[in-house]
Amino acid sequence: MSSLFILIGVSIVIATGFLIAFIWSVKSGQYDDDYTPSVRMLFENEPPNKENKSINKIK
């Protein structure tokens, strides 16, 4: 039974370490997306209208 308490204590210490590492990485900007804004202008936001395609074919 005492080994169960030791394992629970160790797991809480490890989980706290992971939580601290996660908070530190978020505050230091690890998860900031620097790539997407630079290529966002390369993608179209709206699909072309079907009406515009038919008008262009007639001309």
N, C-alpha and C. Protein backbone atom coordinates (compact mmCIF):
# COMPACT_ATOMS: atom_id res chain seq x y z
N MET A 1 0.82 -1.19 0.00
CA MET A 1 0.00 0.00 0.00
C MET A 1 0.87 1.26 0.00
N SER A 2 2.01 1.20 0.66
CA SER A 2 2.87 2.38 0.71
C SER A 2 3.48 2.67 -0.67
N SER A 3 3.68 1.61 -1.46
CA SER A 3 4.22 1.85 -2.81
C SER A 3 3.21 2.60 -3.67
N LEU A 4 1.93 2.42 -3.41
CA LEU A 4 0.89 3.15 -4.14
C LEU A 4 0.98 4.64 -3.84
N PHE A 5 1.20 5.00 -2.59
CA PHE A 5 1.35 6.40 -2.23
C PHE A 5 2.61 7.01 -2.85
N ILE A 6 3.67 6.23 -2.91
CA ILE A 6 4.90 6.71 -3.54
C ILE A 6 4.66 6.95 -5.03
N LEU A 7 3.99 6.03 -5.70
CA LEU A 7 3.72 6.18 -7.13
C LEU A 7 2.80 7.37 -7.41
N ILE A 8 1.81 7.59 -6.55
CA ILE A 8 0.92 8.74 -6.72
C ILE A 8 1.70 10.03 -6.53
N GLY A 9 2.57 10.08 -5.55
CA GLY A 9 3.40 11.27 -5.31
C GLY A 9 4.33 11.55 -6.49
N VAL A 10 4.97 10.50 -7.01
CA VAL A 10 5.86 10.67 -8.15
C VAL A 10 5.08 11.13 -9.37
N SER A 11 3.91 10.58 -9.60
CA SER A 11 3.12 10.97 -10.77
C SER A 11 2.65 12.42 -10.66
N ILE A 12 2.34 12.88 -9.45
CA ILE A 12 1.94 14.28 -9.27
C ILE A 12 3.13 15.20 -9.54
N VAL A 13 4.31 14.80 -9.11
CA VAL A 13 5.51 15.61 -9.37
C VAL A 13 5.79 15.68 -10.87
N ILE A 14 5.68 14.57 -11.56
CA ILE A 14 5.92 14.55 -13.01
C ILE A 14 4.86 15.36 -13.75
N ALA A 15 3.61 15.23 -13.36
CA ALA A 15 2.53 15.99 -13.99
C ALA A 15 2.72 17.49 -13.75
N THR A 16 3.16 17.88 -12.57
CA THR A 16 3.43 19.28 -12.29
C THR A 16 4.58 19.79 -13.16
N GLY A 17 5.59 18.96 -13.35
CA GLY A 17 6.70 19.33 -14.23
C GLY A 17 6.24 19.56 -15.66
N PHE A 18 5.40 18.68 -16.16
CA PHE A 18 4.86 18.85 -17.52
C PHE A 18 4.00 20.10 -17.61
N LEU A 19 3.22 20.40 -16.60
CA LEU A 19 2.38 21.59 -16.59
C LEU A 19 3.24 22.86 -16.61
N ILE A 20 4.29 22.87 -15.81
CA ILE A 20 5.19 24.02 -15.79
C ILE A 20 5.88 24.18 -17.14
N ALA A 21 6.31 23.08 -17.74
CA ALA A 21 6.95 23.15 -19.06
C ALA A 21 5.98 23.66 -20.12
N PHE A 22 4.73 23.24 -20.05
CA PHE A 22 3.72 23.70 -21.01
C PHE A 22 3.46 25.19 -20.86
N ILE A 23 3.29 25.65 -19.63
CA ILE A 23 3.03 27.07 -19.39
C ILE A 23 4.23 27.90 -19.84
N TRP A 24 5.43 27.44 -19.57
CA TRP A 24 6.64 28.14 -20.00
C TRP A 24 6.72 28.22 -21.52
N SER A 25 6.38 27.13 -22.21
CA SER A 25 6.47 27.14 -23.67
C SER A 25 5.40 28.04 -24.29
N VAL A 26 4.23 28.14 -23.69
CA VAL A 26 3.20 29.04 -24.21
C VAL A 26 3.61 30.49 -24.01
N LYS A 27 4.17 30.80 -22.85
CA LYS A 27 4.58 32.18 -22.57
C LYS A 27 5.78 32.60 -23.41
N SER A 28 6.62 31.66 -23.79
CA SER A 28 7.80 32.01 -24.58
C SER A 28 7.51 32.06 -26.08
N GLY A 29 6.27 31.78 -26.49
CA GLY A 29 5.88 31.90 -27.88
C GLY A 29 6.14 30.67 -28.72
N GLN A 30 6.26 29.52 -28.10
CA GLN A 30 6.54 28.29 -28.83
C GLN A 30 5.41 27.94 -29.80
N TYR A 31 4.17 28.28 -29.44
CA TYR A 31 3.03 27.88 -30.25
C TYR A 31 2.52 29.01 -31.15
N ASP A 32 3.26 30.11 -31.26
CA ASP A 32 2.87 31.19 -32.17
C ASP A 32 3.05 30.73 -33.60
N ASP A 33 2.10 31.10 -34.43
CA ASP A 33 2.14 30.69 -35.83
C ASP A 33 2.71 31.83 -36.66
N ASP A 34 3.96 31.71 -37.04
CA ASP A 34 4.61 32.74 -37.83
C ASP A 34 4.54 32.45 -39.33
N TYR A 35 4.22 31.25 -39.71
CA TYR A 35 4.25 30.86 -41.11
C TYR A 35 2.95 31.19 -41.84
N THR A 36 1.81 30.91 -41.23
CA THR A 36 0.52 31.05 -41.89
C THR A 36 0.22 32.47 -42.36
N PRO A 37 0.45 33.53 -41.56
CA PRO A 37 0.13 34.87 -42.06
C PRO A 37 0.90 35.25 -43.33
N SER A 38 2.10 34.73 -43.50
CA SER A 38 2.88 35.11 -44.68
C SER A 38 2.38 34.44 -45.95
N VAL A 39 1.69 33.31 -45.84
CA VAL A 39 1.20 32.63 -47.04
C VAL A 39 -0.32 32.72 -47.18
N ARG A 40 -0.97 33.41 -46.26
CA ARG A 40 -2.43 33.50 -46.30
C ARG A 40 -2.90 34.22 -47.57
N MET A 41 -2.13 35.19 -48.06
CA MET A 41 -2.56 35.92 -49.25
C MET A 41 -2.47 35.08 -50.51
N LEU A 42 -1.84 33.94 -50.45
CA LEU A 42 -1.72 33.08 -51.63
C LEU A 42 -2.97 32.23 -51.87
N PHE A 43 -3.84 32.14 -50.88
CA PHE A 43 -5.04 31.31 -50.99
C PHE A 43 -6.25 32.18 -51.22
N GLU A 44 -7.17 31.70 -52.04
CA GLU A 44 -8.41 32.43 -52.28
C GLU A 44 -9.38 32.21 -51.13
N ASN A 45 -10.07 33.25 -50.74
CA ASN A 45 -11.02 33.14 -49.65
C ASN A 45 -12.37 32.60 -50.11
N GLU A 46 -12.81 33.02 -51.29
CA GLU A 46 -14.12 32.62 -51.78
C GLU A 46 -13.95 31.87 -53.10
N PRO A 47 -14.74 30.84 -53.32
CA PRO A 47 -14.68 30.17 -54.62
C PRO A 47 -15.26 31.08 -55.71
N PRO A 48 -14.80 30.96 -56.94
CA PRO A 48 -15.33 31.82 -58.01
C PRO A 48 -16.82 31.53 -58.25
N ASN A 49 -17.54 32.56 -58.64
CA ASN A 49 -18.98 32.42 -58.92
C ASN A 49 -19.19 31.69 -60.23
N LYS A 50 -20.25 30.93 -60.31
CA LYS A 50 -20.59 30.23 -61.55
C LYS A 50 -21.05 31.22 -62.62
N GLU A 51 -21.67 32.32 -62.19
CA GLU A 51 -22.14 33.32 -63.14
C GLU A 51 -20.96 33.96 -63.87
N ASN A 52 -19.90 34.24 -63.18
CA ASN A 52 -18.74 34.86 -63.80
C ASN A 52 -18.11 33.93 -64.84
N LYS A 53 -18.12 32.64 -64.60
CA LYS A 53 -17.55 31.70 -65.57
C LYS A 53 -18.36 31.68 -66.86
N SER A 54 -19.68 31.71 -66.73
CA SER A 54 -20.52 31.66 -67.94
C SER A 54 -20.41 32.96 -68.72
N ILE A 55 -20.26 34.08 -68.05
CA ILE A 55 -20.12 35.36 -68.75
C ILE A 55 -18.80 35.41 -69.49
N ASN A 56 -17.76 34.90 -68.86
CA ASN A 56 -16.46 34.91 -69.51
C ASN A 56 -16.43 33.99 -70.73
N LYS A 57 -17.19 32.91 -70.74
CA LYS A 57 -17.23 32.01 -71.89
C LYS A 57 -17.95 32.66 -73.07
N ILE A 58 -18.97 33.47 -72.79
CA ILE A 58 -19.72 34.12 -73.85
C ILE A 58 -18.88 35.20 -74.51
N LYS A 59 -18.12 35.91 -73.76
CA LYS A 59 -17.30 36.99 -74.31
C LYS A 59 -16.20 36.37 -75.09
